[in-house]
């Protein structure tokens, strides 16, 4: 398992990815936008979201104040198993 406390600035967006791990995210402050093939979910402070292994996902913080959140990956995050888009 890996646990990371993240701080993302407003306007940030990471590349899409199709990881081999489940990712559980708890938003502490602000809003985290989670895009999947099924749609877009805006996750706000106090809310959680789960991104299952093998499904495409992209995270971003479009609001000006950004966001703080905790990401838990099981099995642990690895650059070799995240499979980010080119």
C-alpha atoms as a PDB file:
ATOM      1  CA  UNK A   1       0.000   0.000   0.000  1.00  0.00           C
ATOM      2  CA  UNK A   2       1.115   3.592  -0.552  1.00  0.00           C
ATOM      3  CA  UNK A   3      -0.315   6.720   1.064  1.00  0.00           C
ATOM      4  CA  UNK A   4       0.391  10.224  -0.238  1.00  0.00           C
ATOM      5  CA  UNK A   5      -0.820  13.614   0.935  1.00  0.00           C
ATOM      6  CA  UNK A   6      -1.134  15.758  -2.176  1.00  0.00           C
ATOM      7  CA  UNK A   7      -1.408  19.513  -2.712  1.00  0.00           C
ATOM      8  CA  UNK A   8      -2.375  20.561  -6.233  1.00  0.00           C
ATOM      9  CA  UNK A   9      -2.588  24.157  -7.485  1.00  0.00           C
ATOM     10  CA  UNK A  10      -5.568  25.627  -9.282  1.00  0.00           C
ATOM     11  CA  UNK A  11      -5.627  24.757 -12.971  1.00  0.00           C
ATOM     12  CA  UNK A  12      -3.514  21.595 -12.540  1.00  0.00           C
ATOM     13  CA  UNK A  13      -4.304  18.464 -14.542  1.00  0.00           C
ATOM     14  CA  UNK A  14      -2.290  15.281 -14.733  1.00  0.00           C
ATOM     15  CA  UNK A  15      -2.183  13.006 -17.767  1.00  0.00           C
ATOM     16  CA  UNK A  16      -4.772  10.265 -17.967  1.00  0.00           C
ATOM     17  CA  UNK A  17      -3.701   6.874 -16.686  1.00  0.00           C
ATOM     18  CA  UNK A  18      -4.787   3.244 -16.562  1.00  0.00           C
ATOM     19  CA  UNK A  19      -3.077   1.932 -13.410  1.00  0.00           C
ATOM     20  CA  UNK A  20      -2.736  -1.641 -12.149  1.00  0.00           C
ATOM     21  CA  UNK A  21      -3.735  -0.502  -8.634  1.00  0.00           C
ATOM     22  CA  UNK A  22      -6.936   0.695  -6.963  1.00  0.00           C
ATOM     23  CA  UNK A  23      -6.751   4.333  -5.843  1.00  0.00           C
ATOM     24  CA  UNK A  24      -8.811   5.608  -2.918  1.00  0.00           C
ATOM     25  CA  UNK A  25      -8.884   9.412  -2.621  1.00  0.00           C
ATOM     26  CA  UNK A  26     -10.138  11.565   0.269  1.00  0.00           C
ATOM     27  CA  UNK A  27     -10.359  15.295  -0.440  1.00  0.00           C
ATOM     28  CA  UNK A  28      -9.305  17.425   2.541  1.00  0.00           C
ATOM     29  CA  UNK A  29      -9.682  20.913   1.009  1.00  0.00           C
ATOM     30  CA  UNK A  30     -11.012  22.271  -2.269  1.00  0.00           C
ATOM     31  CA  UNK A  31     -12.274  20.169  -5.154  1.00  0.00           C
ATOM     32  CA  UNK A  32     -10.665  17.353  -7.129  1.00  0.00           C
ATOM     33  CA  UNK A  33     -12.092  16.650 -10.583  1.00  0.00           C
ATOM     34  CA  UNK A  34     -11.991  12.974 -11.524  1.00  0.00           C
ATOM     35  CA  UNK A  35     -12.568  12.105 -15.181  1.00  0.00           C
ATOM     36  CA  UNK A  36     -13.317   8.527 -16.265  1.00  0.00           C
ATOM     37  CA  UNK A  37     -14.656   6.977 -19.434  1.00  0.00           C
ATOM     38  CA  UNK A  38     -18.091   7.004 -17.723  1.00  0.00           C
ATOM     39  CA  UNK A  39     -18.054  10.736 -16.948  1.00  0.00           C
ATOM     40  CA  UNK A  40     -16.772  13.454 -14.633  1.00  0.00           C
ATOM     41  CA  UNK A  41     -17.036  13.531 -10.837  1.00  0.00           C
ATOM     42  CA  UNK A  42     -16.276  16.649  -8.761  1.00  0.00           C
ATOM     43  CA  UNK A  43     -15.110  15.449  -5.347  1.00  0.00           C
ATOM     44  CA  UNK A  44     -15.214  18.074  -2.580  1.00  0.00           C
ATOM     45  CA  UNK A  45     -13.728  18.335   0.908  1.00  0.00           C
ATOM     46  CA  UNK A  46     -14.932  15.477   3.094  1.00  0.00           C
ATOM     47  CA  UNK A  47     -15.823  13.267   0.121  1.00  0.00           C
ATOM     48  CA  UNK A  48     -14.042  10.228  -1.287  1.00  0.00           C
ATOM     49  CA  UNK A  49     -13.781   8.516  -4.643  1.00  0.00           C
ATOM     50  CA  UNK A  50     -12.422   5.133  -5.729  1.00  0.00           C
ATOM     51  CA  UNK A  51     -10.699   4.581  -9.071  1.00  0.00           C
ATOM     52  CA  UNK A  52     -10.538   0.812  -9.728  1.00  0.00           C
ATOM     53  CA  UNK A  53      -7.448  -0.828 -11.188  1.00  0.00           C
ATOM     54  CA  UNK A  54      -7.519  -1.197 -14.955  1.00  0.00           C
ATOM     55  CA  UNK A  55      -9.878   1.724 -15.604  1.00  0.00           C
ATOM     56  CA  UNK A  56      -8.762   4.968 -17.282  1.00  0.00           C
ATOM     57  CA  UNK A  57      -8.807   8.007 -14.981  1.00  0.00           C
ATOM     58  CA  UNK A  58      -7.522  11.604 -15.011  1.00  0.00           C
ATOM     59  CA  UNK A  59      -7.277  13.931 -12.016  1.00  0.00           C
ATOM     60  CA  UNK A  60      -7.336  17.723 -11.991  1.00  0.00           C
ATOM     61  CA  UNK A  61      -7.979  20.749  -9.804  1.00  0.00           C
ATOM     62  CA  UNK A  62      -9.726  23.326 -12.014  1.00  0.00           C
ATOM     63  CA  UNK A  63     -10.794  25.719  -9.249  1.00  0.00           C
ATOM     64  CA  UNK A  64      -8.503  28.666  -8.422  1.00  0.00           C
ATOM     65  CA  UNK A  65      -7.661  27.503  -4.885  1.00  0.00           C
ATOM     66  CA  UNK A  66      -6.581  23.999  -5.940  1.00  0.00           C
ATOM     67  CA  UNK A  67      -7.017  21.109  -3.531  1.00  0.00           C
ATOM     68  CA  UNK A  68      -5.431  18.996  -0.825  1.00  0.00           C
ATOM     69  CA  UNK A  69      -6.186  15.306  -0.715  1.00  0.00           C
ATOM     70  CA  UNK A  70      -4.917  11.923   0.429  1.00  0.00           C
ATOM     71  CA  UNK A  71      -4.402   9.186  -2.148  1.00  0.00           C
ATOM     72  CA  UNK A  72      -4.133   5.553  -1.040  1.00  0.00           C
ATOM     73  CA  UNK A  73      -3.032   3.014  -3.663  1.00  0.00           C
ATOM     74  CA  UNK A  74      -3.370  -0.754  -3.298  1.00  0.00           C
ATOM     75  CA  UNK A  75      -1.076  -2.317  -4.285  1.00  0.00           C
ATOM     76  CA  UNK A  76       1.356   0.576  -3.864  1.00  0.00           C
ATOM     77  CA  UNK A  77       1.786   3.258  -6.527  1.00  0.00           C
ATOM     78  CA  UNK A  78       4.645   2.613  -8.929  1.00  0.00           C
ATOM     79  CA  UNK A  79       5.715   4.558 -12.035  1.00  0.00           C
ATOM     80  CA  UNK A  80       5.991   1.154 -13.736  1.00  0.00           C
ATOM     81  CA  UNK A  81       2.327   0.279 -13.146  1.00  0.00           C
ATOM     82  CA  UNK A  82       0.521   3.626 -13.543  1.00  0.00           C
ATOM     83  CA  UNK A  83       0.561   3.606 -17.397  1.00  0.00           C
ATOM     84  CA  UNK A  84       0.152   7.340 -18.026  1.00  0.00           C
ATOM     85  CA  UNK A  85      -1.069   8.578 -21.409  1.00  0.00           C
ATOM     86  CA  UNK A  86       1.616   9.829 -23.782  1.00  0.00           C
END
